[in-house]
Protein backbone atom coordinates (compact mmCIF):
# COMPACT_ATOMS: atom_id res chain seq x y z
CA UNK A 1 -13.27 10.25 68.73
CA UNK A 2 -9.59 9.91 69.55
CA UNK A 3 -7.11 10.53 66.85
CA UNK A 4 -3.64 8.92 66.48
CA UNK A 5 -0.34 9.59 64.78
CA UNK A 6 2.31 7.09 63.96
CA UNK A 7 5.45 8.83 62.59
CA UNK A 8 8.51 7.07 61.25
CA UNK A 9 11.58 9.29 61.20
CA UNK A 10 15.11 8.59 59.76
CA UNK A 11 18.12 10.72 60.02
CA UNK A 12 21.80 9.99 59.57
CA UNK A 13 23.43 8.19 62.47
CA UNK A 14 25.62 11.23 63.05
CA UNK A 15 22.48 13.38 63.73
CA UNK A 16 20.69 10.74 65.95
CA UNK A 17 21.72 12.28 69.39
CA UNK A 18 20.27 15.78 68.21
CA UNK A 19 17.12 14.15 67.02
CA UNK A 20 16.65 12.06 70.18
CA UNK A 21 17.16 14.84 72.35
CA UNK A 22 14.57 17.01 70.61
CA UNK A 23 12.11 14.35 70.55
CA UNK A 24 12.35 13.72 74.27
CA UNK A 25 11.99 17.36 74.90
CA UNK A 26 8.84 17.45 72.75
CA UNK A 27 7.52 14.52 74.54
CA UNK A 28 7.61 16.51 77.79
CA UNK A 29 5.83 19.37 76.53
CA UNK A 30 3.23 17.36 74.52
CA UNK A 31 2.08 15.13 77.39
CA UNK A 32 1.16 18.43 79.23
CA UNK A 33 -1.09 19.47 76.36
CA UNK A 34 -4.77 19.21 77.30
CA UNK A 35 -5.84 17.30 74.18
CA UNK A 36 -2.82 14.75 74.50
CA UNK A 37 -3.65 11.20 75.75
CA UNK A 38 -0.18 9.75 74.85
CA UNK A 39 3.00 10.43 73.38
CA UNK A 40 5.61 7.84 72.83
CA UNK A 41 9.07 7.94 71.48
CA UNK A 42 10.78 4.87 70.20
CA UNK A 43 14.11 4.14 68.93
CA UNK A 44 14.38 1.44 66.34
CA UNK A 45 16.47 -1.54 67.52
CA UNK A 46 19.43 -2.25 65.19
CA UNK A 47 18.62 0.85 62.98
CA UNK A 48 20.66 3.69 64.29
CA UNK A 49 18.96 7.15 63.41
CA UNK A 50 15.42 5.56 63.13
CA UNK A 51 12.68 6.56 65.31
CA UNK A 52 8.96 5.61 65.73
CA UNK A 53 6.56 8.03 67.30
CA UNK A 54 3.08 7.02 68.52
CA UNK A 55 0.83 9.99 69.53
CA UNK A 56 -2.69 9.93 70.69
CA UNK A 57 -5.27 13.09 71.01
CA UNK A 58 -8.69 13.28 72.30
CA UNK A 59 -9.73 14.36 68.80
CA UNK A 60 -8.34 15.77 65.63
CA UNK A 61 -8.58 19.33 67.40
CA UNK A 62 -6.08 18.35 70.00
CA UNK A 63 -3.57 17.19 67.35
CA UNK A 64 -4.17 20.48 65.40
CA UNK A 65 -3.43 22.52 68.63
CA UNK A 66 -0.37 20.36 69.14
CA UNK A 67 0.84 21.39 65.67
CA UNK A 68 0.39 25.03 66.45
CA UNK A 69 2.40 24.97 69.71
CA UNK A 70 5.52 26.78 70.01
CA UNK A 71 7.58 23.79 71.17
CA UNK A 72 6.38 21.78 67.96
CA UNK A 73 7.67 24.57 65.82
CA UNK A 74 10.94 25.00 67.56
CA UNK A 75 11.80 21.27 68.26
CA UNK A 76 10.15 19.56 65.29
CA UNK A 77 9.82 21.84 62.51
CA UNK A 78 13.18 23.77 62.99
CA UNK A 79 15.39 21.11 64.67
CA UNK A 80 14.30 17.59 63.75
CA UNK A 81 12.61 17.74 60.36
CA UNK A 82 15.65 19.39 58.55
CA UNK A 83 17.96 16.57 59.83
CA UNK A 84 15.55 13.83 58.44
CA UNK A 85 16.38 11.75 55.36
CA UNK A 86 12.84 10.28 55.25
CA UNK A 87 9.72 10.75 57.18
CA UNK A 88 6.30 8.95 56.94
CA UNK A 89 3.18 9.72 58.98
CA UNK A 90 0.12 7.82 59.24
CA UNK A 91 -3.23 9.49 60.90
CA UNK A 92 -5.90 7.24 62.38
CA UNK A 93 -9.12 7.20 64.33
CA UNK A 94 -8.99 5.13 67.38
CA UNK A 95 -11.67 2.46 67.31
């Protein structure tokens, strides 16, 4: 069963360019992962520093592999997360 992730990231507007650049790099790497079906990055309209990510994987194992990738650690854990003021994540099974 396909597995989806919806994440909302919020950072100070001063850090928006850094977060945006990292998320776009992650998108390139993630779309090449064997278990990835979709990875979309959105900037919220009229909310500087706010992003919505939609990710879909063939299954939970595909997502787990994504979290174990070197690019996830470098670009998300080490670059993006420290700049966030708020992060919410929803995990879902695709019907």
